Amino acid sequence: MIQKRLFGQLAIAVAVAAALAACGKKEEAAPAAAAAPAAKEVTVAYITNGNTNEGWTLINGGAKGAGAATGVKFIELAAEKGELSKQLAIVEDMITRKVNAIAIAPVDSAGIAPAVNKALAAGIAVVAVDTGITGADITSYVATDNIPAAKSQGDWAADQVADTDTVIYVTGDQGQSTGRERKEGFLAGLKAKKPNVKVVEVPTTWDQTMAQNGVEAALKANPKAKLIACAWDGGALGAKAALLAAGKKAGDVKIAGFDGSPGGLDMMKEGWQQANSAQMLAKIGKVGVESAIAAAQGKKIEKRIDTGSFLVLPTNVDQFAKDSGVAQFMKVK
C-alpha cells in the first residue's frame, strides 16, 4: 500500500579527547582534534527515456528533487525522441566523464545492456529506474512490481465483465520489461476469473495517438466491447478520445488505467475511468536517484526495491491523490 520513506543523512560529530596531566600537576586541555575531512562530492547521472507524459513528469520531478542533495553533483539527461542510439551515446559519455553512479530509465531493456555492462566494468554503479534491464547485473532496480500491480487491474476487470464478453487491452512497449510485465499481470488476473473472455490487443510503444487510433479500430471491429484496460494512463486518455469519436458517453464503456497520473485520476473524477492501478510516481524517481547516490557513496543498497502500488477506485481517489502528492497537479478537484 501507500508507503512513505524519508531518506536522509545525519552528520556524525567527532569526539574530542581530553588529556589528563600526571597526578598532582595542573590539568591541561588537549589540542583540538583535526576536523573530519568533508565527504567527497559524488557525481550522479540521471538518464531518462525521453518520455514526456504526465507520469514521467512526476518520476523525473522526484529524481531531480533527490539530486539536489548536499554533496552531490547531479546531471540530468534524456534520450532525444526516445531513441536507443541516443541513450547509448549518453551512457558512453558518462563513462568517459567518470561519473560515480548512473540512474537510468532504459529506452530498451535489452538494447541498453552493452553500454550498462561497460559502465559497471568501469566501476560505475547503475540503478534501473521504473524499467528493468536484461543482460546486465545492475546494482539495483527501483520500480513498481508491475506484475502484481497489473494483476490487480486484471482481477478488477474480470469482475466487470461476463465470460463471453470482449475486453480491449492497450499494451505498452513490448520491447521494455515494464510493458511485458503489465500485459502478463493483467492477463493473469483477468483469465483467472474469466478464462473465456475475448481480449483484443491494441499494440503501442507508449504513444497516446497510437492508443487512440488502435482503440478506434478495435471498437469498430468489436462494437460490443465492455471494457478497455490500458498499460498506462496515456493509453487511457487515448481510449477516452476514441470513445468520444464513437459517440460514447462517460461510463458507456469502462476504462481501467495504470499509473495514477494526474490526467488518469482527472478521468476518474469525470466518470471516464473506473479503476487505476496506481504507482507512487514521484517516489520511483526519488528512490531511484537516492539509491544511486548511496551506491556512489559506497553504501550497500537492495538489489530490488519495490516502490508500491495501489488500486484506485472512485471511492478512494481523493484520498490517494492527497497521500501520493498527485492532487496538486490535477485539474478536477
Protein backbone atom coordinates (compact mmCIF):
# COMPACT_ATOMS: atom_id res chain seq x y z
CA MET A 1 0.00 0.00 0.00
CA ILE A 2 0.98 3.57 0.17
CA GLN A 3 4.27 3.83 1.80
CA LYS A 4 6.30 6.94 2.62
CA ARG A 5 10.01 6.72 3.15
CA LEU A 6 12.26 9.52 4.14
CA PHE A 7 15.87 9.21 3.10
CA GLY A 8 18.44 11.44 4.73
CA GLN A 9 21.90 11.53 6.08
CA LEU A 10 22.83 12.50 9.64
CA ALA A 11 26.14 14.20 10.26
CA ILE A 12 28.30 12.42 12.87
CA ALA A 13 30.08 14.63 15.38
CA VAL A 14 33.74 13.94 16.11
CA ALA A 15 34.53 13.41 19.82
CA VAL A 16 37.45 15.39 21.25
CA ALA A 17 39.54 13.51 23.78
CA ALA A 18 40.86 15.28 26.87
CA ALA A 19 44.34 14.59 28.14
CA LEU A 20 44.85 14.48 31.88
CA ALA A 21 48.10 15.62 33.38
CA ALA A 22 50.01 13.37 35.73
CA CYS A 23 48.76 13.19 39.32
CA GLY A 24 49.47 16.43 41.25
CA LYS A 25 50.09 18.53 38.13
CA LYS A 26 47.81 21.17 36.58
CA GLU A 27 45.23 19.73 34.14
CA GLU A 28 45.74 20.98 30.61
CA ALA A 29 43.33 20.75 27.67
CA ALA A 30 44.46 18.57 24.83
CA PRO A 31 44.81 20.23 21.48
CA ALA A 32 41.62 20.17 19.42
CA ALA A 33 41.30 17.19 17.14
CA ALA A 34 41.61 17.88 13.46
CA ALA A 35 38.27 18.40 11.76
CA ALA A 36 36.97 15.39 9.88
CA PRO A 37 37.54 15.76 6.17
CA ALA A 38 34.43 16.76 4.23
CA ALA A 39 32.71 13.95 2.40
CA LYS A 40 33.87 13.74 -1.17
CA GLU A 41 31.35 15.03 -3.68
CA VAL A 42 29.87 12.31 -5.86
CA THR A 43 28.63 12.74 -9.41
CA VAL A 44 25.38 11.01 -10.30
CA ALA A 45 23.81 10.99 -13.75
CA TYR A 46 20.08 10.51 -14.21
CA ILE A 47 19.32 9.38 -17.74
CA THR A 48 15.63 9.26 -18.58
CA ASN A 49 13.98 7.77 -21.65
CA GLY A 50 12.66 10.89 -23.33
CA ASN A 51 9.01 10.27 -22.44
CA THR A 52 7.17 13.49 -21.59
CA ASN A 53 3.77 12.23 -20.43
CA GLU A 54 2.36 13.14 -17.01
CA GLY A 55 3.66 10.01 -15.33
CA TRP A 56 7.21 10.67 -16.41
CA THR A 57 6.93 14.33 -15.43
CA LEU A 58 6.29 13.16 -11.87
CA ILE A 59 9.01 10.49 -11.93
CA ASN A 60 11.56 12.95 -13.29
CA GLY A 61 10.49 15.55 -10.74
CA GLY A 62 11.13 13.10 -7.91
CA ALA A 63 14.55 12.27 -9.36
CA LYS A 64 15.51 15.92 -9.67
CA GLY A 65 14.48 16.61 -6.08
CA ALA A 66 16.69 13.77 -4.83
CA GLY A 67 19.57 15.03 -6.96
CA ALA A 68 19.58 18.31 -5.06
CA ALA A 69 21.13 16.60 -2.02
CA THR A 70 24.21 18.15 -0.46
CA GLY A 71 27.49 16.71 -1.71
CA VAL A 72 26.02 15.55 -5.00
CA LYS A 73 26.75 16.79 -8.48
CA PHE A 74 23.59 15.88 -10.38
CA ILE A 75 23.49 15.52 -14.16
CA GLU A 76 20.07 15.08 -15.78
CA LEU A 77 19.88 13.93 -19.40
CA ALA A 78 17.22 12.46 -21.70
CA ALA A 79 17.31 10.23 -24.76
CA GLU A 80 16.14 12.58 -27.50
CA LYS A 81 12.90 11.32 -29.11
CA GLY A 82 13.21 8.17 -27.02
CA GLU A 83 15.88 6.73 -29.31
CA LEU A 84 18.07 3.89 -28.05
CA SER A 85 21.08 5.14 -30.04
CA LYS A 86 20.89 8.47 -28.23
CA GLN A 87 20.67 6.81 -24.84
CA LEU A 88 23.61 4.53 -25.63
CA ALA A 89 25.68 7.59 -26.57
CA ILE A 90 24.75 9.32 -23.30
CA VAL A 91 25.87 6.33 -21.22
CA GLU A 92 29.16 6.19 -23.15
CA ASP A 93 29.68 9.89 -22.44
CA MET A 94 29.01 9.39 -18.71
CA ILE A 95 31.62 6.62 -18.66
CA THR A 96 34.13 8.97 -20.26
CA ARG A 97 33.27 11.64 -17.70
CA LYS A 98 33.83 9.09 -14.92
CA VAL A 99 30.60 9.67 -13.02
CA ASN A 100 30.21 7.68 -9.82
CA ALA A 101 26.75 6.31 -10.49
CA ILE A 102 24.04 6.24 -13.14
CA ALA A 103 20.30 6.05 -12.56
CA ILE A 104 18.65 5.17 -15.86
CA ALA A 105 15.17 4.61 -17.26
CA PRO A 106 16.09 2.48 -20.28
CA VAL A 107 14.53 3.03 -23.68
CA ASP A 108 15.07 -0.66 -24.43
CA SER A 109 15.62 -3.17 -21.63
CA ALA A 110 17.95 -5.41 -23.64
CA GLY A 111 19.37 -2.85 -26.06
CA ILE A 112 20.89 -0.72 -23.31
CA ALA A 113 22.72 -3.69 -21.73
CA PRO A 114 26.06 -3.43 -23.62
CA ALA A 115 26.60 0.17 -22.52
CA VAL A 116 25.46 -0.62 -18.97
CA ASN A 117 27.89 -3.53 -18.73
CA LYS A 118 30.67 -1.23 -19.86
CA ALA A 119 29.74 1.25 -17.13
CA LEU A 120 29.68 -1.48 -14.49
CA ALA A 121 33.09 -2.72 -15.65
CA ALA A 122 34.39 0.83 -15.17
CA GLY A 123 33.26 0.75 -11.53
CA ILE A 124 30.15 2.88 -12.04
CA ALA A 125 27.07 1.82 -10.08
CA VAL A 126 23.96 1.51 -12.26
CA VAL A 127 20.39 1.72 -10.95
CA ALA A 128 17.47 1.00 -13.28
CA VAL A 129 14.51 3.32 -12.69
CA ASP A 130 10.93 2.19 -13.46
CA THR A 131 12.03 -0.19 -16.23
CA GLY A 132 14.33 -3.16 -15.78
CA ILE A 133 17.49 -4.04 -17.71
CA THR A 134 18.07 -7.53 -19.12
CA GLY A 135 21.54 -8.87 -19.81
CA ALA A 136 23.36 -6.85 -17.16
CA ASP A 137 23.93 -7.47 -13.46
CA ILE A 138 22.91 -3.98 -12.37
CA THR A 139 23.40 -2.55 -8.90
CA SER A 140 19.69 -2.13 -8.21
CA TYR A 141 16.27 -1.95 -9.85
CA VAL A 142 13.82 0.59 -8.41
CA ALA A 143 10.24 0.37 -9.65
CA THR A 144 6.70 -0.76 -9.04
CA ASP A 145 6.42 -4.54 -9.05
CA ASN A 146 4.43 -4.45 -12.28
CA ILE A 147 3.10 -8.00 -12.38
CA PRO A 148 1.09 -7.94 -9.11
CA ALA A 149 0.05 -4.33 -9.77
CA ALA A 150 -1.28 -5.25 -13.21
CA LYS A 151 -2.80 -8.45 -11.84
CA SER A 152 -4.98 -6.35 -9.53
CA GLN A 153 -6.07 -4.37 -12.60
CA GLY A 154 -6.98 -7.61 -14.40
CA ASP A 155 -8.72 -9.01 -11.33
CA TRP A 156 -10.90 -5.88 -11.12
CA ALA A 157 -11.63 -6.04 -14.86
CA ALA A 158 -12.77 -9.66 -14.54
CA ASP A 159 -15.43 -8.63 -12.04
CA GLN A 160 -16.87 -6.13 -14.52
CA VAL A 161 -17.49 -8.47 -17.46
CA ALA A 162 -19.09 -11.80 -18.33
CA ASP A 163 -17.00 -14.74 -19.51
CA THR A 164 -18.38 -14.27 -23.04
CA ASP A 165 -17.64 -10.52 -23.23
CA THR A 166 -14.93 -8.68 -25.14
CA VAL A 167 -12.19 -6.63 -23.48
CA ILE A 168 -9.80 -4.30 -25.31
CA TYR A 169 -6.27 -4.14 -23.89
CA VAL A 170 -3.93 -1.29 -24.84
CA THR A 171 -0.37 -2.54 -24.38
CA GLY A 172 2.81 -0.70 -23.56
CA ASP A 173 6.05 -1.17 -25.46
CA GLN A 174 6.76 -4.92 -25.52
CA GLY A 175 10.45 -4.18 -26.02
CA GLN A 176 10.56 -2.98 -22.40
CA SER A 177 10.16 -5.13 -19.33
CA THR A 178 7.54 -2.73 -17.99
CA GLY A 179 5.26 -3.25 -20.98
CA ARG A 180 5.70 -7.02 -20.95
CA GLU A 181 5.13 -7.36 -17.20
CA ARG A 182 1.99 -5.23 -17.21
CA LYS A 183 0.48 -7.27 -20.01
CA GLU A 184 1.41 -10.52 -18.27
CA GLY A 185 -0.06 -9.41 -14.94
CA PHE A 186 -3.27 -8.06 -16.46
CA LEU A 187 -3.97 -11.21 -18.45
CA ALA A 188 -3.20 -13.41 -15.44
CA GLY A 189 -5.68 -11.52 -13.26
CA LEU A 190 -8.37 -11.42 -15.94
CA LYS A 191 -8.11 -15.02 -17.15
CA ALA A 192 -8.01 -16.48 -13.64
CA LYS A 193 -11.66 -15.47 -13.23
CA LYS A 194 -12.87 -15.22 -16.83
CA PRO A 195 -10.86 -17.73 -18.89
CA ASN A 196 -13.07 -17.44 -21.98
CA VAL A 197 -13.25 -13.66 -22.25
CA LYS A 198 -12.10 -12.33 -25.63
CA VAL A 199 -9.10 -9.98 -25.41
CA VAL A 200 -8.43 -7.65 -28.33
CA GLU A 201 -4.93 -6.17 -28.09
CA VAL A 202 -4.01 -2.70 -29.25
CA PRO A 203 -0.20 -2.59 -29.52
CA THR A 204 1.58 0.69 -28.76
CA THR A 205 5.02 1.98 -27.84
CA TRP A 206 3.61 4.16 -25.03
CA ASP A 207 2.21 6.53 -27.66
CA GLN A 208 -1.18 8.13 -26.92
CA THR A 209 -2.03 8.69 -30.58
CA MET A 210 -1.30 5.04 -31.34
CA ALA A 211 -3.63 4.10 -28.50
CA GLN A 212 -6.43 6.33 -29.78
CA ASN A 213 -6.16 5.09 -33.36
CA GLY A 214 -5.90 1.47 -32.26
CA VAL A 215 -8.90 1.68 -29.94
CA GLU A 216 -10.98 3.37 -32.66
CA ALA A 217 -10.23 0.44 -34.97
CA ALA A 218 -10.86 -2.12 -32.20
CA LEU A 219 -14.25 -0.55 -31.35
CA LYS A 220 -15.36 -0.64 -34.99
CA ALA A 221 -14.48 -4.33 -35.17
CA ASN A 222 -15.87 -5.07 -31.69
CA PRO A 223 -18.72 -2.61 -31.04
CA LYS A 224 -19.97 -4.60 -28.03
CA ALA A 225 -16.68 -4.38 -26.11
CA LYS A 226 -17.47 -3.82 -22.43
CA LEU A 227 -14.16 -2.59 -21.08
CA ILE A 228 -10.86 -1.04 -22.15
CA ALA A 229 -7.82 -1.69 -19.97
CA CYS A 230 -4.62 0.25 -20.56
CA ALA A 231 -0.99 -0.34 -19.63
CA TRP A 232 -0.55 3.34 -18.82
CA ASP A 233 -2.70 6.43 -18.37
CA GLY A 234 -1.70 7.97 -21.69
CA GLY A 235 -3.33 4.96 -23.29
CA ALA A 236 -6.45 5.59 -21.20
CA LEU A 237 -6.57 9.18 -22.44
CA GLY A 238 -6.30 7.86 -25.99
CA ALA A 239 -9.12 5.40 -25.26
CA LYS A 240 -11.32 8.23 -24.00
CA ALA A 241 -10.71 10.18 -27.21
CA ALA A 242 -11.62 7.09 -29.24
CA LEU A 243 -14.86 6.64 -27.28
CA LEU A 244 -15.77 10.29 -27.83
CA ALA A 245 -15.15 9.86 -31.55
CA ALA A 246 -17.51 6.88 -31.47
CA GLY A 247 -20.23 8.96 -29.82
CA LYS A 248 -19.91 7.26 -26.43
CA LYS A 249 -20.52 8.93 -23.09
CA ALA A 250 -18.57 8.53 -19.84
CA GLY A 251 -19.31 5.10 -18.39
CA ASP A 252 -20.73 3.54 -21.56
CA VAL A 253 -17.51 1.50 -21.81
CA LYS A 254 -15.48 1.11 -18.63
CA ILE A 255 -11.82 2.12 -18.62
CA ALA A 256 -9.09 0.78 -16.34
CA GLY A 257 -5.88 2.81 -16.25
CA PHE A 258 -2.41 2.26 -14.89
CA ASP A 259 -0.09 4.83 -13.30
CA GLY A 260 -2.18 7.06 -11.05
CA SER A 261 -1.18 10.10 -13.09
CA PRO A 262 -2.99 13.45 -12.74
CA GLY A 263 -4.68 13.01 -16.12
CA GLY A 264 -5.78 9.48 -15.30
CA LEU A 265 -7.27 10.50 -11.96
CA ASP A 266 -8.96 13.50 -13.58
CA MET A 267 -10.62 10.99 -15.92
CA MET A 268 -11.88 9.07 -12.91
CA LYS A 269 -13.31 12.21 -11.31
CA GLU A 270 -15.14 12.90 -14.57
CA GLY A 271 -16.57 9.36 -14.74
CA TRP A 272 -14.49 8.16 -17.69
CA GLN A 273 -12.19 5.85 -15.73
CA GLN A 274 -13.45 3.37 -13.17
CA ALA A 275 -10.21 1.86 -11.83
CA ASN A 276 -6.50 2.65 -11.84
CA SER A 277 -3.56 0.52 -10.76
CA ALA A 278 -1.56 3.41 -9.41
CA GLN A 279 2.16 3.73 -8.84
CA MET A 280 3.95 6.05 -6.46
CA LEU A 281 5.31 8.01 -9.41
CA ALA A 282 7.40 10.73 -7.78
CA LYS A 283 8.68 8.15 -5.31
CA ILE A 284 10.08 5.99 -8.13
CA GLY A 285 12.32 8.80 -9.36
CA LYS A 286 13.21 9.94 -5.86
CA VAL A 287 14.19 6.50 -4.54
CA GLY A 288 15.93 5.65 -7.82
CA VAL A 289 18.30 8.62 -7.59
CA GLU A 290 18.72 8.30 -3.81
CA SER A 291 19.76 4.67 -4.33
CA ALA A 292 22.27 5.72 -6.98
CA ILE A 293 23.69 8.35 -4.62
CA ALA A 294 24.00 5.80 -1.81
CA ALA A 295 25.77 3.35 -4.13
CA ALA A 296 28.14 6.11 -5.28
CA GLN A 297 28.99 6.76 -1.64
CA GLY A 298 29.91 3.11 -1.17
CA LYS A 299 26.79 2.14 0.76
CA LYS A 300 25.07 -1.18 0.25
CA ILE A 301 21.63 -0.98 -1.37
CA GLU A 302 18.96 -3.57 -2.06
CA LYS A 303 19.06 -5.35 -5.39
CA ARG A 304 15.33 -4.88 -5.97
CA ILE A 305 13.31 -2.04 -4.46
CA ASP A 306 9.53 -2.13 -4.90
CA THR A 307 8.03 1.35 -4.58
CA GLY A 308 4.50 0.01 -4.18
CA SER A 309 1.13 0.23 -5.94
CA PHE A 310 -2.49 0.88 -5.03
CA LEU A 311 -5.81 0.12 -6.75
CA VAL A 312 -7.55 3.46 -7.03
CA LEU A 313 -11.35 3.48 -7.33
CA PRO A 314 -13.88 6.34 -7.30
CA THR A 315 -14.41 5.68 -3.59
CA ASN A 316 -10.77 6.35 -2.63
CA VAL A 317 -9.45 8.58 -5.44
CA ASP A 318 -9.45 11.78 -3.36
CA GLN A 319 -7.51 10.21 -0.50
CA PHE A 320 -4.98 8.60 -2.83
CA ALA A 321 -4.46 11.85 -4.74
CA LYS A 322 -3.78 13.65 -1.48
CA ASP A 323 -1.49 10.99 0.02
CA SER A 324 0.54 10.48 -3.16
CA GLY A 325 1.01 14.18 -3.90
CA VAL A 326 -0.76 13.90 -7.27
CA ALA A 327 -3.65 16.16 -6.18
CA GLN A 328 -1.59 19.30 -6.66
CA PHE A 329 -1.30 18.55 -10.38
CA MET A 330 -4.93 17.55 -11.00
CA LYS A 331 -7.33 19.83 -12.86
CA VAL A 332 -10.53 18.28 -11.49
CA LYS A 333 -10.76 18.82 -7.73
